[in-house]
Amino acid sequence: MVKLTMVNTIQAKELNAVKKLAERLFSVPVINVSPITKGEVNKVFVIETPKMSLIVRINENKSYIREYEKEKLCMEKVSKLGVPLPRVLKIGSRIIPYVYMAYECIQGIPADEYKGDKLRVWYQIGEYAALINSIKTYGYGGRFQFQPHQDKDGNSHKNWIEYIDRGINMVLKSTLLVKNDVIRREEVSKIKSELEEIKVWQFKPRLGHGNLALKNTIVNKNGRVVAVLDWGDAVSHRAPHFELATTLFWINLAEQKAFLNGYGLSIERYEAIRKDVEKLQLLEHLGSAIWYIQRKDYKGLEYAKRKLRTIMPA
């Protein structure tokens, strides 16, 4: 009899659905289904069979299959450059009442649980970030292409100003930031002036991962990175600015230095672009604060507020 590992937040129908999915897709009996509770957008499960272990992510929103397809395409692109990744086995929306993405389970542990030298891990993450950021993209934001004229549905943002203006307006027009003491009312005009400067940037976009972190990295027992995970936030953006903005904001100075060294970016070069990086950090993480508020994640919100104070315009 299959063992369905239960936790309070996972419904039995979801566990049974992914069991059914694995049996239908791979024609193998399922020994165990265990939820991974770290997923913030998708429900994530580890499935054990006699032949293999795999990861299955599911989402109730049928349109989310486009996100899975984007992730798969990004992973295929970066794997050709040597970024270690799990192999995507299947993406679909049939068999079970969810869209799903199944990929191989890489042996190792999340890097945030690794007991060895985490600075060495951050150095490796920096190396892989540089490879990721070397890939040319077309369009801006989360909907983009790897070749020109590939946007048959007209879903991508082809104009930088229009794309970034939407993000700025979303942040500045939200009443949640002032109500929850993330920013003060008198700071809004200064923040607006700071963010408006982003509009005039001119650059050729590159691929950004958008969520490089120890929790999204798998290492082996020796601390070697064996997989870079979670490509749902991948974007077409300014490099290295966007990757630095989304990565360095959450980590300490020693980790930042290790990441920058791995990336091949000198302290002098980073200092030359730091002000632009901080403008992006301000925009991105005011958006993160709104996300925390909407999900009532007050622990995450308090941490974001403290970090935002360090880059708030004077």
C-alpha atoms as a PDB file:
ATOM      1  CA  MET A   1       0.000   0.000   0.000  1.00  0.00           C
ATOM      2  CA  VAL A   2       1.328   3.443  -0.907  1.00  0.00           C
ATOM      3  CA  LYS A   3       2.335   5.694   1.971  1.00  0.00           C
ATOM      4  CA  LEU A   4       0.840   9.193   1.726  1.00  0.00           C
ATOM      5  CA  THR A   5       2.799  11.437   4.053  1.00  0.00           C
ATOM      6  CA  MET A   6       0.281  13.901   5.472  1.00  0.00           C
ATOM      7  CA  VAL A   7       0.622  17.429   6.825  1.00  0.00           C
ATOM      8  CA  ASN A   8      -2.183  19.758   7.817  1.00  0.00           C
ATOM      9  CA  THR A   9      -1.856  22.099   4.831  1.00  0.00           C
ATOM     10  CA  ILE A  10      -1.948  19.417   2.151  1.00  0.00           C
ATOM     11  CA  GLN A  11      -5.251  17.893   1.165  1.00  0.00           C
ATOM     12  CA  ALA A  12      -5.599  14.180   0.527  1.00  0.00           C
ATOM     13  CA  LYS A  13      -6.959  14.805  -2.981  1.00  0.00           C
ATOM     14  CA  GLU A  14      -3.703  16.532  -3.970  1.00  0.00           C
ATOM     15  CA  LEU A  15      -1.604  13.659  -2.663  1.00  0.00           C
ATOM     16  CA  ASN A  16      -3.764  11.143  -4.471  1.00  0.00           C
ATOM     17  CA  ALA A  17      -3.666  13.255  -7.633  1.00  0.00           C
ATOM     18  CA  VAL A  18       0.134  13.307  -7.838  1.00  0.00           C
ATOM     19  CA  LYS A  19       0.259   9.580  -7.048  1.00  0.00           C
ATOM     20  CA  LYS A  20      -2.125   8.943  -9.936  1.00  0.00           C
ATOM     21  CA  LEU A  21      -0.095  11.238 -12.171  1.00  0.00           C
ATOM     22  CA  ALA A  22       3.191   9.451 -11.509  1.00  0.00           C
ATOM     23  CA  GLU A  23       1.645   6.020 -12.080  1.00  0.00           C
ATOM     24  CA  ARG A  24       0.057   7.102 -15.364  1.00  0.00           C
ATOM     25  CA  LEU A  25       3.036   9.023 -16.724  1.00  0.00           C
ATOM     26  CA  PHE A  26       5.795   6.605 -15.842  1.00  0.00           C
ATOM     27  CA  SER A  27       3.966   3.264 -15.499  1.00  0.00           C
ATOM     28  CA  VAL A  28       5.524   2.508 -12.118  1.00  0.00           C
ATOM     29  CA  PRO A  29       4.035   1.837  -8.687  1.00  0.00           C
ATOM     30  CA  VAL A  30       4.378   4.664  -6.180  1.00  0.00           C
ATOM     31  CA  ILE A  31       5.933   3.826  -2.824  1.00  0.00           C
ATOM     32  CA  ASN A  32       5.640   7.181  -1.102  1.00  0.00           C
ATOM     33  CA  VAL A  33       4.317  10.706  -1.708  1.00  0.00           C
ATOM     34  CA  SER A  34       5.680  13.489   0.517  1.00  0.00           C
ATOM     35  CA  PRO A  35       4.774  17.184   0.329  1.00  0.00           C
ATOM     36  CA  ILE A  36       7.467  19.824   0.394  1.00  0.00           C
ATOM     37  CA  THR A  37       5.998  22.791   2.235  1.00  0.00           C
ATOM     38  CA  LYS A  38       8.554  25.387   1.037  1.00  0.00           C
ATOM     39  CA  GLY A  39       6.711  26.168  -2.188  1.00  0.00           C
ATOM     40  CA  GLU A  40       5.153  29.657  -2.088  1.00  0.00           C
ATOM     41  CA  VAL A  41       3.209  29.513  -5.366  1.00  0.00           C
ATOM     42  CA  ASN A  42       2.951  25.827  -6.258  1.00  0.00           C
ATOM     43  CA  LYS A  43       2.262  22.694  -4.248  1.00  0.00           C
ATOM     44  CA  VAL A  44       5.405  20.563  -4.430  1.00  0.00           C
ATOM     45  CA  PHE A  45       5.792  16.830  -3.815  1.00  0.00           C
ATOM     46  CA  VAL A  46       8.540  14.225  -3.732  1.00  0.00           C
ATOM     47  CA  ILE A  47       7.423  10.927  -5.252  1.00  0.00           C
ATOM     48  CA  GLU A  48       9.343   7.724  -4.635  1.00  0.00           C
ATOM     49  CA  THR A  49       9.064   4.743  -6.944  1.00  0.00           C
ATOM     50  CA  PRO A  50      11.124   1.524  -7.170  1.00  0.00           C
ATOM     51  CA  LYS A  51      13.012   2.937 -10.162  1.00  0.00           C
ATOM     52  CA  MET A  52      13.431   6.617  -9.354  1.00  0.00           C
ATOM     53  CA  SER A  53      12.489   9.609  -7.255  1.00  0.00           C
ATOM     54  CA  LEU A  54      10.936  12.660  -8.839  1.00  0.00           C
ATOM     55  CA  ILE A  55       9.587  16.072  -7.971  1.00  0.00           C
ATOM     56  CA  VAL A  56       6.092  17.103  -9.033  1.00  0.00           C
ATOM     57  CA  ARG A  57       4.774  20.662  -8.798  1.00  0.00           C
ATOM     58  CA  ILE A  58       1.087  21.361  -9.281  1.00  0.00           C
ATOM     59  CA  ASN A  59      -1.052  24.464  -9.572  1.00  0.00           C
ATOM     60  CA  GLU A  60      -4.830  24.849  -9.683  1.00  0.00           C
ATOM     61  CA  ASN A  61      -4.597  27.744 -12.155  1.00  0.00           C
ATOM     62  CA  LYS A  62      -4.702  26.143 -15.596  1.00  0.00           C
ATOM     63  CA  SER A  63      -3.049  29.173 -17.210  1.00  0.00           C
ATOM     64  CA  TYR A  64       0.020  28.524 -15.061  1.00  0.00           C
ATOM     65  CA  ILE A  65       1.164  25.967 -17.603  1.00  0.00           C
ATOM     66  CA  ARG A  66       2.726  28.881 -19.498  1.00  0.00           C
ATOM     67  CA  GLU A  67       4.951  29.519 -16.497  1.00  0.00           C
ATOM     68  CA  TYR A  68       6.055  25.894 -16.421  1.00  0.00           C
ATOM     69  CA  GLU A  69       6.800  26.028 -20.136  1.00  0.00           C
ATOM     70  CA  LYS A  70       8.836  29.197 -19.627  1.00  0.00           C
ATOM     71  CA  GLU A  71      10.795  27.538 -16.824  1.00  0.00           C
ATOM     72  CA  LYS A  72      11.532  24.506 -18.987  1.00  0.00           C
ATOM     73  CA  LEU A  73      12.778  26.670 -21.842  1.00  0.00           C
ATOM     74  CA  CYS A  74      15.005  28.697 -19.514  1.00  0.00           C
ATOM     75  CA  MET A  75      16.425  25.531 -17.994  1.00  0.00           C
ATOM     76  CA  GLU A  76      17.207  24.108 -21.422  1.00  0.00           C
ATOM     77  CA  LYS A  77      19.023  27.299 -22.391  1.00  0.00           C
ATOM     78  CA  VAL A  78      21.182  27.596 -19.287  1.00  0.00           C
ATOM     79  CA  SER A  79      21.988  23.887 -19.087  1.00  0.00           C
ATOM     80  CA  LYS A  80      23.832  24.227 -22.392  1.00  0.00           C
ATOM     81  CA  LEU A  81      26.195  26.649 -20.648  1.00  0.00           C
ATOM     82  CA  GLY A  82      26.919  24.237 -17.813  1.00  0.00           C
ATOM     83  CA  VAL A  83      24.463  25.368 -15.147  1.00  0.00           C
ATOM     84  CA  PRO A  84      23.497  22.193 -13.199  1.00  0.00           C
ATOM     85  CA  LEU A  85      19.782  21.474 -13.335  1.00  0.00           C
ATOM     86  CA  PRO A  86      17.300  18.639 -12.915  1.00  0.00           C
ATOM     87  CA  ARG A  87      15.912  17.183 -16.128  1.00  0.00           C
ATOM     88  CA  VAL A  88      12.303  18.151 -16.813  1.00  0.00           C
ATOM     89  CA  LEU A  89      10.343  14.957 -17.477  1.00  0.00           C
ATOM     90  CA  LYS A  90       6.837  16.182 -18.251  1.00  0.00           C
ATOM     91  CA  ILE A  91       4.613  19.255 -18.299  1.00  0.00           C
ATOM     92  CA  GLY A  92       0.880  18.979 -18.801  1.00  0.00           C
ATOM     93  CA  SER A  93      -2.683  19.744 -17.782  1.00  0.00           C
ATOM     94  CA  ARG A  94      -4.428  16.417 -18.321  1.00  0.00           C
ATOM     95  CA  ILE A  95      -4.745  13.268 -16.179  1.00  0.00           C
ATOM     96  CA  ILE A  96      -5.292  15.293 -12.963  1.00  0.00           C
ATOM     97  CA  PRO A  97      -7.280  18.494 -12.305  1.00  0.00           C
ATOM     98  CA  TYR A  98      -4.099  20.564 -11.998  1.00  0.00           C
ATOM     99  CA  VAL A  99      -1.356  21.749 -14.297  1.00  0.00           C
ATOM    100  CA  TYR A 100       1.854  19.960 -13.419  1.00  0.00           C
ATOM    101  CA  MET A 101       5.587  19.889 -13.958  1.00  0.00           C
ATOM    102  CA  ALA A 102       7.551  16.731 -13.190  1.00  0.00           C
ATOM    103  CA  TYR A 103      11.325  16.612 -13.067  1.00  0.00           C
ATOM    104  CA  GLU A 104      14.020  14.331 -11.744  1.00  0.00           C
ATOM    105  CA  CYS A 105      14.924  14.487  -8.079  1.00  0.00           C
ATOM    106  CA  ILE A 106      18.566  15.496  -7.688  1.00  0.00           C
ATOM    107  CA  GLN A 107      20.427  13.783  -4.857  1.00  0.00           C
ATOM    108  CA  GLY A 108      21.671  16.301  -2.331  1.00  0.00           C
ATOM    109  CA  ILE A 109      20.401  18.762   0.234  1.00  0.00           C
ATOM    110  CA  PRO A 110      19.107  22.345   0.060  1.00  0.00           C
ATOM    111  CA  ALA A 111      22.102  24.644   0.502  1.00  0.00           C
ATOM    112  CA  ASP A 112      20.432  26.464   3.405  1.00  0.00           C
ATOM    113  CA  GLU A 113      20.632  23.167   5.324  1.00  0.00           C
ATOM    114  CA  TYR A 114      24.286  22.553   4.421  1.00  0.00           C
ATOM    115  CA  LYS A 115      26.563  22.623   7.485  1.00  0.00           C
ATOM    116  CA  GLY A 116      29.788  23.353   5.613  1.00  0.00           C
ATOM    117  CA  ASP A 117      31.227  26.525   4.097  1.00  0.00           C
ATOM    118  CA  LYS A 118      28.242  28.445   2.714  1.00  0.00           C
ATOM    119  CA  LEU A 119      30.491  31.193   1.331  1.00  0.00           C
ATOM    120  CA  ARG A 120      31.918  28.631  -1.060  1.00  0.00           C
ATOM    121  CA  VAL A 121      28.355  27.858  -2.138  1.00  0.00           C
ATOM    122  CA  TRP A 122      27.652  31.555  -2.716  1.00  0.00           C
ATOM    123  CA  TYR A 123      30.787  31.774  -4.858  1.00  0.00           C
ATOM    124  CA  GLN A 124      29.436  28.991  -7.062  1.00  0.00           C
ATOM    125  CA  ILE A 125      26.011  30.627  -7.246  1.00  0.00           C
ATOM    126  CA  GLY A 126      27.774  33.774  -8.453  1.00  0.00           C
ATOM    127  CA  GLU A 127      29.564  31.799 -11.157  1.00  0.00           C
ATOM    128  CA  TYR A 128      26.293  30.352 -12.418  1.00  0.00           C
ATOM    129  CA  ALA A 129      24.576  33.744 -12.220  1.00  0.00           C
ATOM    130  CA  ALA A 130      27.160  35.140 -14.633  1.00  0.00           C
ATOM    131  CA  LEU A 131      26.417  32.322 -17.093  1.00  0.00           C
ATOM    132  CA  ILE A 132      22.676  32.858 -16.796  1.00  0.00           C
ATOM    133  CA  ASN A 133      23.037  36.610 -17.350  1.00  0.00           C
ATOM    134  CA  SER A 134      25.066  36.045 -20.525  1.00  0.00           C
ATOM    135  CA  ILE A 135      22.018  34.774 -22.437  1.00  0.00           C
ATOM    136  CA  LYS A 136      20.377  37.267 -24.793  1.00  0.00           C
ATOM    137  CA  THR A 137      16.638  37.815 -24.497  1.00  0.00           C
ATOM    138  CA  TYR A 138      13.990  39.841 -26.317  1.00  0.00           C
ATOM    139  CA  GLY A 139      11.229  41.758 -24.553  1.00  0.00           C
ATOM    140  CA  TYR A 140      11.158  42.760 -20.900  1.00  0.00           C
ATOM    141  CA  GLY A 141       9.901  41.192 -17.710  1.00  0.00           C
ATOM    142  CA  GLY A 142       8.516  37.723 -17.161  1.00  0.00           C
ATOM    143  CA  ARG A 143       7.177  37.216 -20.673  1.00  0.00           C
ATOM    144  CA  PHE A 144       9.992  37.229 -23.156  1.00  0.00           C
ATOM    145  CA  GLN A 145      11.615  35.307 -25.990  1.00  0.00           C
ATOM    146  CA  PHE A 146      15.062  33.978 -26.802  1.00  0.00           C
ATOM    147  CA  GLN A 147      14.762  34.887 -30.476  1.00  0.00           C
ATOM    148  CA  PRO A 148      13.485  38.073 -32.129  1.00  0.00           C
ATOM    149  CA  HIS A 149       9.962  37.987 -33.594  1.00  0.00           C
ATOM    150  CA  GLN A 150       9.039  34.879 -31.560  1.00  0.00           C
ATOM    151  CA  ASP A 151       6.136  36.531 -29.746  1.00  0.00           C
ATOM    152  CA  LYS A 152       3.257  35.231 -31.850  1.00  0.00           C
ATOM    153  CA  ASP A 153       0.616  35.996 -29.198  1.00  0.00           C
ATOM    154  CA  GLY A 154       1.783  39.532 -28.475  1.00  0.00           C
ATOM    155  CA  ASN A 155       2.172  38.782 -24.750  1.00  0.00           C
ATOM    156  CA  SER A 156       5.652  40.170 -24.188  1.00  0.00           C
ATOM    157  CA  HIS A 157       6.576  43.708 -23.166  1.00  0.00           C
ATOM    158  CA  LYS A 158       8.527  45.064 -26.114  1.00  0.00           C
ATOM    159  CA  ASN A 159       8.876  48.567 -24.713  1.00  0.00           C
ATOM    160  CA  TRP A 160      11.039  49.113 -21.619  1.00  0.00           C
ATOM    161  CA  ILE A 161       9.313  52.293 -20.469  1.00  0.00           C
ATOM    162  CA  GLU A 162       5.838  50.755 -20.684  1.00  0.00           C
ATOM    163  CA  TYR A 163       6.985  47.663 -18.812  1.00  0.00           C
ATOM    164  CA  ILE A 164       8.787  49.426 -15.979  1.00  0.00           C
ATOM    165  CA  ASP A 165       6.089  52.088 -15.705  1.00  0.00           C
ATOM    166  CA  ARG A 166       3.552  49.398 -14.817  1.00  0.00           C
ATOM    167  CA  GLY A 167       5.765  48.175 -11.987  1.00  0.00           C
ATOM    168  CA  ILE A 168       6.378  51.666 -10.657  1.00  0.00           C
ATOM    169  CA  ASN A 169       2.687  52.560 -10.757  1.00  0.00           C
ATOM    170  CA  MET A 170       1.743  49.325  -9.017  1.00  0.00           C
ATOM    171  CA  VAL A 171       4.024  50.209  -6.117  1.00  0.00           C
ATOM    172  CA  LEU A 172       3.301  53.933  -5.882  1.00  0.00           C
ATOM    173  CA  LYS A 173      -0.475  53.649  -6.203  1.00  0.00           C
ATOM    174  CA  SER A 174      -0.789  50.970  -3.550  1.00  0.00           C
ATOM    175  CA  THR A 175      -2.131  52.235  -0.220  1.00  0.00           C
ATOM    176  CA  LEU A 176      -0.852  49.146   1.580  1.00  0.00           C
ATOM    177  CA  LEU A 177       2.717  50.388   1.974  1.00  0.00           C
ATOM    178  CA  VAL A 178       1.760  53.495   3.940  1.00  0.00           C
ATOM    179  CA  LYS A 179      -0.974  51.741   5.929  1.00  0.00           C
ATOM    180  CA  ASN A 180       1.481  49.056   7.037  1.00  0.00           C
ATOM    181  CA  ASP A 181       4.323  51.486   7.848  1.00  0.00           C
ATOM    182  CA  VAL A 182       6.601  50.232   5.094  1.00  0.00           C
ATOM    183  CA  ILE A 183       7.006  53.807   3.876  1.00  0.00           C
ATOM    184  CA  ARG A 184       5.909  57.154   5.230  1.00  0.00           C
ATOM    185  CA  ARG A 185       3.521  59.344   3.256  1.00  0.00           C
ATOM    186  CA  GLU A 186       6.096  62.112   2.994  1.00  0.00           C
ATOM    187  CA  GLU A 187       8.581  59.694   1.396  1.00  0.00           C
ATOM    188  CA  VAL A 188       6.388  58.893  -1.608  1.00  0.00           C
ATOM    189  CA  SER A 189       7.548  61.817  -3.746  1.00  0.00           C
ATOM    190  CA  LYS A 190      11.223  61.022  -3.122  1.00  0.00           C
ATOM    191  CA  ILE A 191      10.663  57.367  -3.940  1.00  0.00           C
ATOM    192  CA  LYS A 192       8.859  58.346  -7.133  1.00  0.00           C
ATOM    193  CA  SER A 193      11.745  60.576  -8.218  1.00  0.00           C
ATOM    194  CA  GLU A 194      14.205  57.762  -7.545  1.00  0.00           C
ATOM    195  CA  LEU A 195      12.218  55.185  -9.490  1.00  0.00           C
ATOM    196  CA  GLU A 196      11.498  57.515 -12.409  1.00  0.00           C
ATOM    197  CA  GLU A 197      15.229  57.495 -13.192  1.00  0.00           C
ATOM    198  CA  ILE A 198      14.963  53.808 -14.111  1.00  0.00           C
ATOM    199  CA  LYS A 199      12.822  54.678 -17.139  1.00  0.00           C
ATOM    200  CA  VAL A 200      15.677  56.301 -19.052  1.00  0.00           C
ATOM    201  CA  TRP A 201      17.945  53.260 -18.894  1.00  0.00           C
ATOM    202  CA  GLN A 202      19.064  51.949 -22.254  1.00  0.00           C
ATOM    203  CA  PHE A 203      20.408  48.413 -22.409  1.00  0.00           C
ATOM    204  CA  LYS A 204      20.198  45.098 -24.211  1.00  0.00           C
ATOM    205  CA  PRO A 205      18.251  42.699 -21.965  1.00  0.00           C
ATOM    206  CA  ARG A 206      19.613  39.436 -20.665  1.00  0.00           C
ATOM    207  CA  LEU A 207      18.151  36.462 -18.840  1.00  0.00           C
ATOM    208  CA  GLY A 208      17.866  36.802 -15.069  1.00  0.00           C
ATOM    209  CA  HIS A 209      16.989  34.029 -12.632  1.00  0.00           C
ATOM    210  CA  GLY A 210      15.373  36.431 -10.166  1.00  0.00           C
ATOM    211  CA  ASN A 211      15.413  34.207  -7.087  1.00  0.00           C
ATOM    212  CA  LEU A 212      18.937  32.940  -6.509  1.00  0.00           C
ATOM    213  CA  ALA A 213      19.119  31.775  -2.912  1.00  0.00           C
ATOM    214  CA  LEU A 214      20.483  28.950  -0.802  1.00  0.00           C
ATOM    215  CA  LYS A 215      16.973  27.498  -0.473  1.00  0.00           C
ATOM    216  CA  ASN A 216      16.784  27.229  -4.279  1.00  0.00           C
ATOM    217  CA  THR A 217      20.160  25.533  -4.582  1.00  0.00           C
ATOM    218  CA  ILE A 218      20.967  21.846  -4.090  1.00  0.00           C
ATOM    219  CA  VAL A 219      24.470  20.836  -2.995  1.00  0.00           C
ATOM    220  CA  ASN A 220      26.176  17.481  -2.475  1.00  0.00           C
ATOM    221  CA  LYS A 221      27.883  16.421   0.748  1.00  0.00           C
ATOM    222  CA  ASN A 222      31.032  18.313  -0.275  1.00  0.00           C
ATOM    223  CA  GLY A 223      29.185  21.575  -0.880  1.00  0.00           C
ATOM    224  CA  ARG A 224      29.337  21.383  -4.657  1.00  0.00           C
ATOM    225  CA  VAL A 225      26.256  22.889  -6.312  1.00  0.00           C
ATOM    226  CA  VAL A 226      24.425  20.127  -8.183  1.00  0.00           C
ATOM    227  CA  ALA A 227      21.218  21.982  -9.092  1.00  0.00           C
ATOM    228  CA  VAL A 228      19.886  25.526  -9.407  1.00  0.00           C
ATOM    229  CA  LEU A 229      16.115  25.402  -8.890  1.00  0.00           C
ATOM    230  CA  ASP A 230      12.985  27.590  -9.042  1.00  0.00           C
ATOM    231  CA  TRP A 231      12.934  29.325 -12.416  1.00  0.00           C
ATOM    232  CA  GLY A 232       9.457  30.787 -11.965  1.00  0.00           C
ATOM    233  CA  ASP A 233      10.824  34.312 -11.448  1.00  0.00           C
ATOM    234  CA  ALA A 234      13.052  34.253 -14.539  1.00  0.00           C
ATOM    235  CA  VAL A 235      12.906  37.531 -16.443  1.00  0.00           C
ATOM    236  CA  SER A 236      14.378  39.495 -19.309  1.00  0.00           C
ATOM    237  CA  HIS A 237      16.071  42.482 -17.675  1.00  0.00           C
ATOM    238  CA  ARG A 238      19.196  44.568 -17.258  1.00  0.00           C
ATOM    239  CA  ALA A 239      22.257  42.538 -16.299  1.00  0.00           C
ATOM    240  CA  PRO A 240      23.923  42.246 -13.922  1.00  0.00           C
ATOM    241  CA  HIS A 241      21.762  44.874 -12.204  1.00  0.00           C
ATOM    242  CA  PHE A 242      18.571  42.851 -11.808  1.00  0.00           C
ATOM    243  CA  GLU A 243      20.320  39.710 -10.563  1.00  0.00           C
ATOM    244  CA  LEU A 244      22.307  41.742  -8.062  1.00  0.00           C
ATOM    245  CA  ALA A 245      19.210  43.614  -6.909  1.00  0.00           C
ATOM    246  CA  THR A 246      17.219  40.454  -6.226  1.00  0.00           C
ATOM    247  CA  THR A 247      20.106  38.437  -4.749  1.00  0.00           C
ATOM    248  CA  LEU A 248      22.249  40.793  -2.668  1.00  0.00           C
ATOM    249  CA  PHE A 249      19.300  42.415  -0.877  1.00  0.00           C
ATOM    250  CA  TRP A 250      18.696  39.399   1.377  1.00  0.00           C
ATOM    251  CA  ILE A 251      22.253  38.281   2.214  1.00  0.00           C
ATOM    252  CA  ASN A 252      25.036  39.542   4.472  1.00  0.00           C
ATOM    253  CA  LEU A 253      28.210  41.337   3.403  1.00  0.00           C
ATOM    254  CA  ALA A 254      30.423  38.241   3.446  1.00  0.00           C
ATOM    255  CA  GLU A 255      27.918  36.368   1.288  1.00  0.00           C
ATOM    256  CA  GLN A 256      27.646  39.351  -1.052  1.00  0.00           C
ATOM    257  CA  LYS A 257      31.413  39.430  -1.494  1.00  0.00           C
ATOM    258  CA  ALA A 258      31.539  35.686  -2.221  1.00  0.00           C
ATOM    259  CA  PHE A 259      28.734  36.016  -4.775  1.00  0.00           C
ATOM    260  CA  LEU A 260      30.392  38.983  -6.512  1.00  0.00           C
ATOM    261  CA  ASN A 261      33.748  37.167  -6.627  1.00  0.00           C
ATOM    262  CA  GLY A 262      32.084  34.139  -8.196  1.00  0.00           C
ATOM    263  CA  TYR A 263      30.301  36.387 -10.676  1.00  0.00           C
ATOM    264  CA  GLY A 264      33.622  37.932 -11.657  1.00  0.00           C
ATOM    265  CA  LEU A 265      32.533  41.417 -10.599  1.00  0.00           C
ATOM    266  CA  SER A 266      35.114  43.472  -8.727  1.00  0.00           C
ATOM    267  CA  ILE A 267      34.127  45.630  -5.791  1.00  0.00           C
ATOM    268  CA  GLU A 268      35.113  48.680  -7.843  1.00  0.00           C
ATOM    269  CA  ARG A 269      32.836  47.662 -10.700  1.00  0.00           C
ATOM    270  CA  TYR A 270      29.996  46.942  -8.300  1.00  0.00           C
ATOM    271  CA  GLU A 271      30.382  50.322  -6.604  1.00  0.00           C
ATOM    272  CA  ALA A 272      30.146  51.974 -10.035  1.00  0.00           C
ATOM    273  CA  ILE A 273      26.692  50.470 -10.624  1.00  0.00           C
ATOM    274  CA  ARG A 274      25.493  50.203  -7.015  1.00  0.00           C
ATOM    275  CA  LYS A 275      23.154  53.202  -7.140  1.00  0.00           C
ATOM    276  CA  ASP A 276      21.285  51.754 -10.111  1.00  0.00           C
ATOM    277  CA  VAL A 277      21.161  48.355  -8.398  1.00  0.00           C
ATOM    278  CA  GLU A 278      19.643  49.983  -5.314  1.00  0.00           C
ATOM    279  CA  LYS A 279      16.989  51.709  -7.431  1.00  0.00           C
ATOM    280  CA  LEU A 280      15.937  48.288  -8.685  1.00  0.00           C
ATOM    281  CA  GLN A 281      16.085  46.892  -5.155  1.00  0.00           C
ATOM    282  CA  LEU A 282      13.761  49.636  -4.012  1.00  0.00           C
ATOM    283  CA  LEU A 283      11.242  48.854  -6.746  1.00  0.00           C
ATOM    284  CA  GLU A 284      11.462  45.076  -6.453  1.00  0.00           C
ATOM    285  CA  HIS A 285      11.251  44.892  -2.694  1.00  0.00           C
ATOM    286  CA  LEU A 286       8.524  47.446  -2.223  1.00  0.00           C
ATOM    287  CA  GLY A 287       6.676  45.015  -4.471  1.00  0.00           C
ATOM    288  CA  SER A 288       7.810  42.165  -2.202  1.00  0.00           C
ATOM    289  CA  ALA A 289       6.441  44.053   0.820  1.00  0.00           C
ATOM    290  CA  ILE A 290       3.038  44.307  -0.884  1.00  0.00           C
ATOM    291  CA  TRP A 291       3.207  40.560  -1.560  1.00  0.00           C
ATOM    292  CA  TYR A 292       3.909  39.840   2.117  1.00  0.00           C
ATOM    293  CA  ILE A 293       1.054  42.107   3.221  1.00  0.00           C
ATOM    294  CA  GLN A 294      -1.439  40.454   0.893  1.00  0.00           C
ATOM    295  CA  ARG A 295      -0.466  37.021   2.216  1.00  0.00           C
ATOM    296  CA  LYS A 296      -0.405  38.159   5.848  1.00  0.00           C
ATOM    297  CA  ASP A 297       3.218  37.048   6.133  1.00  0.00           C
ATOM    298  CA  TYR A 298       4.131  39.552   8.835  1.00  0.00           C
ATOM    299  CA  LYS A 299       7.474  37.952   9.676  1.00  0.00           C
ATOM    300  CA  GLY A 300       8.608  38.338   6.067  1.00  0.00           C
ATOM    301  CA  LEU A 301       7.170  41.856   5.982  1.00  0.00           C
ATOM    302  CA  GLU A 302       9.091  43.000   9.075  1.00  0.00           C
ATOM    303  CA  TYR A 303      12.352  41.701   7.617  1.00  0.00           C
ATOM    304  CA  ALA A 304      11.669  43.418   4.279  1.00  0.00           C
ATOM    305  CA  LYS A 305      10.872  46.676   6.081  1.00  0.00           C
ATOM    306  CA  ARG A 306      14.185  46.622   7.945  1.00  0.00           C
ATOM    307  CA  LYS A 307      16.118  45.938   4.752  1.00  0.00           C
ATOM    308  CA  LEU A 308      14.231  48.598   2.781  1.00  0.00           C
ATOM    309  CA  ARG A 309      15.193  51.209   5.360  1.00  0.00           C
ATOM    310  CA  THR A 310      18.842  50.757   4.353  1.00  0.00           C
ATOM    311  CA  ILE A 311      18.181  51.826   0.734  1.00  0.00           C
ATOM    312  CA  MET A 312      15.355  54.323   1.163  1.00  0.00           C
ATOM    313  CA  PRO A 313      16.194  57.644  -0.550  1.00  0.00           C
ATOM    314  CA  ALA A 314      17.259  60.353   1.882  1.00  0.00           C
END
